[in-house]
């Protein structure tokens, strides 16, 4: 019988016990995701209104018999991922808990809380800032030379990739904080490598959805701000704990 509570660091499980625990976590995660997907499909009209709002009143067009359903299902699936992300992260943490020492657990809990907050912040930034700027440039570029129509499948794919990529990019402070806690880097090194980091941020901004220079600059600013935030967090919370000295005498 699989326990509902997280397994503690002191609990010992056999290989079958670990597999049973993993199966339980996967079943629970899939059940919650299915419930969230059903909720999003039920409220698909509201979701489509939110997703289509950046188009400024334009209605995406569809081709073929199945595209209205597949496009709606895609939007609902993206929304279900965002809704269930905190729960999925908790299930991953609960499964890995036996492998974490008490000190590592104290480090993991704040990160577990910080990651969803940053993800929601990134998704919001992508929706309210990146998408309007990118759409304004892309839809008005050479508009007198083309009959610009927006296909639902292409728009929803672009929308999903943009907001999810922004949410993932906002995880930079979490990744740097983990690297600092593990001793891979230090706040001093992060400060010394600031110029190289800005170049890397520019490359990442160029690789993100939105191919115009204006969107790239809009995406570059928060990346640099996130790097600076990472330095602050690493200075405050990223110092590895010194191992206790064992007296051999």
C-alpha atoms as a PDB file:
ATOM      1  CA  UNK A   1       0.000   0.000   0.000  1.00  0.00           C
ATOM      2  CA  UNK A   2       1.575   3.262  -1.149  1.00  0.00           C
ATOM      3  CA  UNK A   3       1.552   6.024   1.430  1.00  0.00           C
ATOM      4  CA  UNK A   4       0.054   9.420   0.649  1.00  0.00           C
ATOM      5  CA  UNK A   5       2.631  11.260   2.750  1.00  0.00           C
ATOM      6  CA  UNK A   6       6.127  11.957   1.360  1.00  0.00           C
ATOM      7  CA  UNK A   7       8.722   9.372   2.252  1.00  0.00           C
ATOM      8  CA  UNK A   8      11.250  10.747   4.717  1.00  0.00           C
ATOM      9  CA  UNK A   9      15.020  10.675   4.369  1.00  0.00           C
ATOM     10  CA  UNK A  10      15.257   7.891   6.966  1.00  0.00           C
ATOM     11  CA  UNK A  11      12.773   5.580   5.269  1.00  0.00           C
ATOM     12  CA  UNK A  12      14.249   2.637   3.392  1.00  0.00           C
ATOM     13  CA  UNK A  13      12.562   1.242   0.285  1.00  0.00           C
ATOM     14  CA  UNK A  14      13.371  -1.726  -1.890  1.00  0.00           C
ATOM     15  CA  UNK A  15      13.643  -1.452  -5.675  1.00  0.00           C
ATOM     16  CA  UNK A  16      10.034  -2.591  -5.959  1.00  0.00           C
ATOM     17  CA  UNK A  17       9.088  -0.024  -3.331  1.00  0.00           C
ATOM     18  CA  UNK A  18      10.682   2.776  -5.355  1.00  0.00           C
ATOM     19  CA  UNK A  19       8.951   1.571  -8.529  1.00  0.00           C
ATOM     20  CA  UNK A  20       5.650   1.371  -6.686  1.00  0.00           C
ATOM     21  CA  UNK A  21       6.156   4.885  -5.341  1.00  0.00           C
ATOM     22  CA  UNK A  22       7.028   6.171  -8.831  1.00  0.00           C
ATOM     23  CA  UNK A  23       3.947   4.521 -10.318  1.00  0.00           C
ATOM     24  CA  UNK A  24       1.770   6.096  -7.645  1.00  0.00           C
ATOM     25  CA  UNK A  25       3.227   9.569  -8.247  1.00  0.00           C
ATOM     26  CA  UNK A  26       2.734   9.229 -12.011  1.00  0.00           C
ATOM     27  CA  UNK A  27      -0.864   8.060 -11.638  1.00  0.00           C
ATOM     28  CA  UNK A  28      -1.695  10.922  -9.271  1.00  0.00           C
ATOM     29  CA  UNK A  29       0.035  13.462 -11.560  1.00  0.00           C
ATOM     30  CA  UNK A  30      -1.772  12.179 -14.663  1.00  0.00           C
ATOM     31  CA  UNK A  31      -5.090  12.214 -12.800  1.00  0.00           C
ATOM     32  CA  UNK A  32      -4.636  15.826 -11.709  1.00  0.00           C
ATOM     33  CA  UNK A  33      -3.522  16.810 -15.221  1.00  0.00           C
ATOM     34  CA  UNK A  34      -6.543  15.066 -16.742  1.00  0.00           C
ATOM     35  CA  UNK A  35      -8.842  16.906 -14.320  1.00  0.00           C
ATOM     36  CA  UNK A  36      -7.194  20.237 -15.194  1.00  0.00           C
ATOM     37  CA  UNK A  37      -7.452  19.428 -18.901  1.00  0.00           C
ATOM     38  CA  UNK A  38     -11.147  18.637 -18.503  1.00  0.00           C
ATOM     39  CA  UNK A  39     -11.673  21.945 -16.694  1.00  0.00           C
ATOM     40  CA  UNK A  40      -9.836  23.843 -19.431  1.00  0.00           C
ATOM     41  CA  UNK A  41     -11.830  22.103 -22.179  1.00  0.00           C
ATOM     42  CA  UNK A  42     -15.040  22.976 -20.322  1.00  0.00           C
ATOM     43  CA  UNK A  43     -13.972  26.631 -20.172  1.00  0.00           C
ATOM     44  CA  UNK A  44     -12.397  26.635 -23.652  1.00  0.00           C
ATOM     45  CA  UNK A  45     -14.388  29.675 -24.779  1.00  0.00           C
ATOM     46  CA  UNK A  46     -12.926  31.756 -21.950  1.00  0.00           C
ATOM     47  CA  UNK A  47      -9.428  30.442 -22.689  1.00  0.00           C
ATOM     48  CA  UNK A  48      -9.731  31.237 -26.386  1.00  0.00           C
ATOM     49  CA  UNK A  49     -10.875  34.763 -25.556  1.00  0.00           C
ATOM     50  CA  UNK A  50      -7.775  35.247 -23.373  1.00  0.00           C
ATOM     51  CA  UNK A  51      -5.429  33.763 -25.975  1.00  0.00           C
ATOM     52  CA  UNK A  52      -6.959  35.733 -28.856  1.00  0.00           C
ATOM     53  CA  UNK A  53      -6.994  39.041 -26.933  1.00  0.00           C
ATOM     54  CA  UNK A  54      -3.457  40.083 -28.097  1.00  0.00           C
ATOM     55  CA  UNK A  55      -4.710  39.893 -31.712  1.00  0.00           C
ATOM     56  CA  UNK A  56      -6.738  43.065 -31.136  1.00  0.00           C
ATOM     57  CA  UNK A  57     -10.095  41.777 -32.367  1.00  0.00           C
ATOM     58  CA  UNK A  58      -8.838  39.565 -35.193  1.00  0.00           C
ATOM     59  CA  UNK A  59     -10.307  36.064 -35.336  1.00  0.00           C
ATOM     60  CA  UNK A  60      -7.955  33.254 -36.345  1.00  0.00           C
ATOM     61  CA  UNK A  61      -9.021  31.219 -39.359  1.00  0.00           C
ATOM     62  CA  UNK A  62      -9.044  27.428 -39.660  1.00  0.00           C
ATOM     63  CA  UNK A  63      -8.649  25.031 -42.576  1.00  0.00           C
ATOM     64  CA  UNK A  64     -10.181  21.594 -42.580  1.00  0.00           C
ATOM     65  CA  UNK A  65     -12.796  19.801 -40.560  1.00  0.00           C
ATOM     66  CA  UNK A  66     -10.701  18.848 -37.511  1.00  0.00           C
ATOM     67  CA  UNK A  67      -8.670  22.024 -36.978  1.00  0.00           C
ATOM     68  CA  UNK A  68     -11.187  23.834 -34.711  1.00  0.00           C
ATOM     69  CA  UNK A  69     -11.081  20.855 -32.332  1.00  0.00           C
ATOM     70  CA  UNK A  70      -7.314  20.310 -32.478  1.00  0.00           C
ATOM     71  CA  UNK A  71      -6.601  24.025 -32.012  1.00  0.00           C
ATOM     72  CA  UNK A  72      -8.952  24.208 -29.020  1.00  0.00           C
ATOM     73  CA  UNK A  73      -7.417  21.064 -27.505  1.00  0.00           C
ATOM     74  CA  UNK A  74      -3.915  22.522 -27.914  1.00  0.00           C
ATOM     75  CA  UNK A  75      -4.866  25.682 -26.017  1.00  0.00           C
ATOM     76  CA  UNK A  76      -6.518  23.636 -23.262  1.00  0.00           C
ATOM     77  CA  UNK A  77      -3.429  21.415 -22.945  1.00  0.00           C
ATOM     78  CA  UNK A  78      -1.099  24.430 -22.584  1.00  0.00           C
ATOM     79  CA  UNK A  79      -3.379  25.896 -19.912  1.00  0.00           C
ATOM     80  CA  UNK A  80      -3.557  22.568 -18.050  1.00  0.00           C
ATOM     81  CA  UNK A  81       0.253  22.398 -17.922  1.00  0.00           C
ATOM     82  CA  UNK A  82       0.419  25.867 -16.373  1.00  0.00           C
ATOM     83  CA  UNK A  83      -2.309  25.035 -13.821  1.00  0.00           C
ATOM     84  CA  UNK A  84      -0.774  21.745 -12.700  1.00  0.00           C
ATOM     85  CA  UNK A  85       2.891  22.814 -12.700  1.00  0.00           C
ATOM     86  CA  UNK A  86       3.117  23.518  -8.924  1.00  0.00           C
ATOM     87  CA  UNK A  87       1.534  20.155  -8.128  1.00  0.00           C
ATOM     88  CA  UNK A  88       3.803  18.309 -10.575  1.00  0.00           C
ATOM     89  CA  UNK A  89       6.862  19.948  -9.021  1.00  0.00           C
ATOM     90  CA  UNK A  90       5.696  18.842  -5.578  1.00  0.00           C
ATOM     91  CA  UNK A  91       5.245  15.254  -6.754  1.00  0.00           C
ATOM     92  CA  UNK A  92       8.788  15.270  -8.148  1.00  0.00           C
ATOM     93  CA  UNK A  93      10.115  16.674  -4.874  1.00  0.00           C
ATOM     94  CA  UNK A  94       8.167  14.108  -2.813  1.00  0.00           C
ATOM     95  CA  UNK A  95       9.596  11.281  -4.902  1.00  0.00           C
ATOM     96  CA  UNK A  96      13.176  12.531  -4.608  1.00  0.00           C
ATOM     97  CA  UNK A  97      12.845  13.319  -0.898  1.00  0.00           C
ATOM     98  CA  UNK A  98      14.446  10.050   0.365  1.00  0.00           C
ATOM     99  CA  UNK A  99      17.632  10.894  -1.551  1.00  0.00           C
ATOM    100  CA  UNK A 100      17.898  14.353   0.027  1.00  0.00           C
ATOM    101  CA  UNK A 101      19.684  15.023   3.265  1.00  0.00           C
ATOM    102  CA  UNK A 102      18.057  17.411   5.788  1.00  0.00           C
ATOM    103  CA  UNK A 103      20.357  20.222   4.599  1.00  0.00           C
ATOM    104  CA  UNK A 104      19.506  19.562   0.940  1.00  0.00           C
ATOM    105  CA  UNK A 105      15.827  19.455   1.870  1.00  0.00           C
ATOM    106  CA  UNK A 106      16.087  22.908   3.464  1.00  0.00           C
ATOM    107  CA  UNK A 107      17.571  24.146   0.185  1.00  0.00           C
ATOM    108  CA  UNK A 108      14.985  22.398  -2.004  1.00  0.00           C
ATOM    109  CA  UNK A 109      11.882  23.729  -0.265  1.00  0.00           C
ATOM    110  CA  UNK A 110      12.503  27.448  -1.018  1.00  0.00           C
ATOM    111  CA  UNK A 111      13.366  26.553  -4.614  1.00  0.00           C
ATOM    112  CA  UNK A 112      10.160  24.536  -4.861  1.00  0.00           C
ATOM    113  CA  UNK A 113       8.228  27.655  -3.890  1.00  0.00           C
ATOM    114  CA  UNK A 114      10.318  30.037  -6.002  1.00  0.00           C
ATOM    115  CA  UNK A 115      10.128  28.092  -9.278  1.00  0.00           C
ATOM    116  CA  UNK A 116       6.325  28.355  -9.810  1.00  0.00           C
ATOM    117  CA  UNK A 117       6.322  32.033  -8.825  1.00  0.00           C
ATOM    118  CA  UNK A 118       9.037  32.813 -11.372  1.00  0.00           C
ATOM    119  CA  UNK A 119       7.290  30.674 -13.989  1.00  0.00           C
ATOM    120  CA  UNK A 120       4.017  32.558 -13.575  1.00  0.00           C
ATOM    121  CA  UNK A 121       5.978  35.825 -13.714  1.00  0.00           C
ATOM    122  CA  UNK A 122       7.632  34.731 -16.957  1.00  0.00           C
ATOM    123  CA  UNK A 123       4.334  33.648 -18.515  1.00  0.00           C
ATOM    124  CA  UNK A 124       2.782  36.994 -17.544  1.00  0.00           C
ATOM    125  CA  UNK A 125       5.730  38.889 -19.015  1.00  0.00           C
ATOM    126  CA  UNK A 126       5.454  36.904 -22.228  1.00  0.00           C
ATOM    127  CA  UNK A 127       1.715  37.565 -22.477  1.00  0.00           C
ATOM    128  CA  UNK A 128       1.592  41.248 -21.534  1.00  0.00           C
ATOM    129  CA  UNK A 129       4.928  42.464 -22.922  1.00  0.00           C
ATOM    130  CA  UNK A 130       6.575  40.161 -25.474  1.00  0.00           C
ATOM    131  CA  UNK A 131       3.490  39.131 -27.458  1.00  0.00           C
ATOM    132  CA  UNK A 132       2.084  42.662 -28.037  1.00  0.00           C
ATOM    133  CA  UNK A 133       5.475  43.974 -29.168  1.00  0.00           C
ATOM    134  CA  UNK A 134       6.138  40.992 -31.447  1.00  0.00           C
ATOM    135  CA  UNK A 135       2.656  41.094 -32.957  1.00  0.00           C
ATOM    136  CA  UNK A 136       2.803  44.829 -33.595  1.00  0.00           C
ATOM    137  CA  UNK A 137       6.008  44.424 -35.576  1.00  0.00           C
ATOM    138  CA  UNK A 138       5.249  41.161 -37.377  1.00  0.00           C
ATOM    139  CA  UNK A 139       1.661  41.913 -38.408  1.00  0.00           C
ATOM    140  CA  UNK A 140       2.506  45.408 -39.674  1.00  0.00           C
ATOM    141  CA  UNK A 141       5.696  44.470 -41.488  1.00  0.00           C
ATOM    142  CA  UNK A 142       5.048  44.978 -45.254  1.00  0.00           C
ATOM    143  CA  UNK A 143       1.331  44.782 -44.526  1.00  0.00           C
ATOM    144  CA  UNK A 144       0.481  46.573 -47.777  1.00  0.00           C
ATOM    145  CA  UNK A 145       2.197  43.850 -49.793  1.00  0.00           C
ATOM    146  CA  UNK A 146       0.334  40.914 -48.226  1.00  0.00           C
ATOM    147  CA  UNK A 147      -3.173  39.865 -47.333  1.00  0.00           C
ATOM    148  CA  UNK A 148      -2.341  39.021 -43.739  1.00  0.00           C
ATOM    149  CA  UNK A 149      -4.481  36.253 -42.290  1.00  0.00           C
ATOM    150  CA  UNK A 150      -3.802  34.476 -38.999  1.00  0.00           C
ATOM    151  CA  UNK A 151      -4.220  30.707 -38.961  1.00  0.00           C
ATOM    152  CA  UNK A 152      -5.431  29.337 -35.622  1.00  0.00           C
ATOM    153  CA  UNK A 153      -2.953  26.440 -35.501  1.00  0.00           C
ATOM    154  CA  UNK A 154       0.037  28.672 -36.199  1.00  0.00           C
ATOM    155  CA  UNK A 155      -1.084  31.397 -33.780  1.00  0.00           C
ATOM    156  CA  UNK A 156      -1.748  29.049 -30.879  1.00  0.00           C
ATOM    157  CA  UNK A 157       1.571  27.307 -31.440  1.00  0.00           C
ATOM    158  CA  UNK A 158       3.382  30.644 -31.498  1.00  0.00           C
ATOM    159  CA  UNK A 159       1.470  31.800 -28.421  1.00  0.00           C
ATOM    160  CA  UNK A 160       2.226  28.641 -26.450  1.00  0.00           C
ATOM    161  CA  UNK A 161       5.916  28.544 -27.333  1.00  0.00           C
ATOM    162  CA  UNK A 162       6.341  32.232 -26.512  1.00  0.00           C
ATOM    163  CA  UNK A 163       4.751  32.218 -23.064  1.00  0.00           C
ATOM    164  CA  UNK A 164       6.242  28.846 -22.060  1.00  0.00           C
ATOM    165  CA  UNK A 165       9.706  29.914 -23.220  1.00  0.00           C
ATOM    166  CA  UNK A 166       9.365  33.111 -21.177  1.00  0.00           C
ATOM    167  CA  UNK A 167       8.301  31.065 -18.148  1.00  0.00           C
ATOM    168  CA  UNK A 168      11.290  28.735 -18.503  1.00  0.00           C
ATOM    169  CA  UNK A 169      13.741  31.604 -19.016  1.00  0.00           C
ATOM    170  CA  UNK A 170      12.546  33.115 -15.748  1.00  0.00           C
ATOM    171  CA  UNK A 171      13.928  30.007 -14.013  1.00  0.00           C
ATOM    172  CA  UNK A 172      17.468  31.392 -14.425  1.00  0.00           C
ATOM    173  CA  UNK A 173      17.704  32.503 -10.748  1.00  0.00           C
ATOM    174  CA  UNK A 174      16.701  29.013  -9.591  1.00  0.00           C
ATOM    175  CA  UNK A 175      19.330  27.331 -11.776  1.00  0.00           C
ATOM    176  CA  UNK A 176      22.077  29.737 -10.680  1.00  0.00           C
ATOM    177  CA  UNK A 177      21.092  29.424  -7.023  1.00  0.00           C
ATOM    178  CA  UNK A 178      21.305  25.631  -7.251  1.00  0.00           C
ATOM    179  CA  UNK A 179      24.704  25.858  -8.946  1.00  0.00           C
ATOM    180  CA  UNK A 180      25.923  28.182  -6.198  1.00  0.00           C
ATOM    181  CA  UNK A 181      24.637  25.951  -3.418  1.00  0.00           C
ATOM    182  CA  UNK A 182      26.389  22.983  -5.016  1.00  0.00           C
ATOM    183  CA  UNK A 183      29.654  24.899  -5.162  1.00  0.00           C
ATOM    184  CA  UNK A 184      29.803  24.972  -8.968  1.00  0.00           C
ATOM    185  CA  UNK A 185      30.062  28.766  -8.979  1.00  0.00           C
ATOM    186  CA  UNK A 186      30.177  31.674  -6.531  1.00  0.00           C
ATOM    187  CA  UNK A 187      28.658  35.173  -6.414  1.00  0.00           C
ATOM    188  CA  UNK A 188      32.150  36.591  -6.991  1.00  0.00           C
ATOM    189  CA  UNK A 189      32.533  34.582 -10.203  1.00  0.00           C
ATOM    190  CA  UNK A 190      29.081  35.629 -11.327  1.00  0.00           C
ATOM    191  CA  UNK A 191      30.021  39.286 -10.927  1.00  0.00           C
ATOM    192  CA  UNK A 192      33.312  38.840 -12.804  1.00  0.00           C
ATOM    193  CA  UNK A 193      31.532  37.065 -15.681  1.00  0.00           C
ATOM    194  CA  UNK A 194      28.863  39.756 -16.031  1.00  0.00           C
ATOM    195  CA  UNK A 195      29.968  40.835 -19.544  1.00  0.00           C
ATOM    196  CA  UNK A 196      30.010  37.257 -20.822  1.00  0.00           C
ATOM    197  CA  UNK A 197      26.616  36.701 -19.209  1.00  0.00           C
ATOM    198  CA  UNK A 198      25.153  39.678 -21.080  1.00  0.00           C
ATOM    199  CA  UNK A 199      26.383  38.182 -24.364  1.00  0.00           C
ATOM    200  CA  UNK A 200      24.779  34.850 -23.455  1.00  0.00           C
ATOM    201  CA  UNK A 201      21.553  36.654 -22.554  1.00  0.00           C
ATOM    202  CA  UNK A 202      21.592  38.364 -25.955  1.00  0.00           C
ATOM    203  CA  UNK A 203      21.997  34.999 -27.689  1.00  0.00           C
ATOM    204  CA  UNK A 204      19.104  33.542 -25.687  1.00  0.00           C
ATOM    205  CA  UNK A 205      16.922  36.579 -26.466  1.00  0.00           C
ATOM    206  CA  UNK A 206      17.691  36.158 -30.177  1.00  0.00           C
ATOM    207  CA  UNK A 207      16.733  32.472 -29.995  1.00  0.00           C
ATOM    208  CA  UNK A 208      13.393  33.136 -28.296  1.00  0.00           C
ATOM    209  CA  UNK A 209      10.197  33.505 -30.381  1.00  0.00           C
ATOM    210  CA  UNK A 210       9.848  36.924 -31.955  1.00  0.00           C
ATOM    211  CA  UNK A 211      12.304  37.482 -34.766  1.00  0.00           C
ATOM    212  CA  UNK A 212      12.358  41.269 -34.817  1.00  0.00           C
ATOM    213  CA  UNK A 213      15.045  43.428 -33.144  1.00  0.00           C
ATOM    214  CA  UNK A 214      12.518  45.253 -30.952  1.00  0.00           C
ATOM    215  CA  UNK A 215      11.242  42.013 -29.415  1.00  0.00           C
ATOM    216  CA  UNK A 216      14.806  40.872 -28.876  1.00  0.00           C
ATOM    217  CA  UNK A 217      15.589  44.012 -26.870  1.00  0.00           C
ATOM    218  CA  UNK A 218      12.373  43.623 -24.857  1.00  0.00           C
ATOM    219  CA  UNK A 219      13.368  40.041 -24.023  1.00  0.00           C
ATOM    220  CA  UNK A 220      16.983  40.971 -23.277  1.00  0.00           C
ATOM    221  CA  UNK A 221      16.156  43.453 -20.495  1.00  0.00           C
ATOM    222  CA  UNK A 222      14.472  40.941 -18.139  1.00  0.00           C
ATOM    223  CA  UNK A 223      17.195  38.369 -18.830  1.00  0.00           C
ATOM    224  CA  UNK A 224      19.856  40.777 -17.601  1.00  0.00           C
ATOM    225  CA  UNK A 225      17.644  41.729 -14.640  1.00  0.00           C
ATOM    226  CA  UNK A 226      17.190  38.038 -13.794  1.00  0.00           C
ATOM    227  CA  UNK A 227      20.952  37.517 -13.880  1.00  0.00           C
ATOM    228  CA  UNK A 228      21.445  40.413 -11.469  1.00  0.00           C
ATOM    229  CA  UNK A 229      18.703  38.998  -9.247  1.00  0.00           C
ATOM    230  CA  UNK A 230      20.517  35.663  -9.339  1.00  0.00           C
ATOM    231  CA  UNK A 231      23.672  37.300  -8.016  1.00  0.00           C
ATOM    232  CA  UNK A 232      21.718  38.850  -5.142  1.00  0.00           C
ATOM    233  CA  UNK A 233      20.016  35.557  -4.265  1.00  0.00           C
ATOM    234  CA  UNK A 234      23.291  33.658  -4.526  1.00  0.00           C
ATOM    235  CA  UNK A 235      24.939  36.144  -2.162  1.00  0.00           C
ATOM    236  CA  UNK A 236      22.120  35.827   0.374  1.00  0.00           C
ATOM    237  CA  UNK A 237      21.240  32.143   0.190  1.00  0.00           C
ATOM    238  CA  UNK A 238      23.676  30.412  -2.117  1.00  0.00           C
ATOM    239  CA  UNK A 239      26.710  29.923   0.139  1.00  0.00           C
ATOM    240  CA  UNK A 240      27.242  26.176   0.676  1.00  0.00           C
ATOM    241  CA  UNK A 241      27.091  25.090   4.258  1.00  0.00           C
ATOM    242  CA  UNK A 242      30.451  24.185   5.658  1.00  0.00           C
ATOM    243  CA  UNK A 243      30.804  20.516   6.467  1.00  0.00           C
ATOM    244  CA  UNK A 244      31.192  19.877  10.215  1.00  0.00           C
ATOM    245  CA  UNK A 245      34.716  19.118  11.305  1.00  0.00           C
ATOM    246  CA  UNK A 246      35.054  15.721  12.922  1.00  0.00           C
ATOM    247  CA  UNK A 247      37.437  15.603  15.845  1.00  0.00           C
ATOM    248  CA  UNK A 248      39.584  12.526  15.344  1.00  0.00           C
ATOM    249  CA  UNK A 249      41.293  12.778  18.698  1.00  0.00           C
END
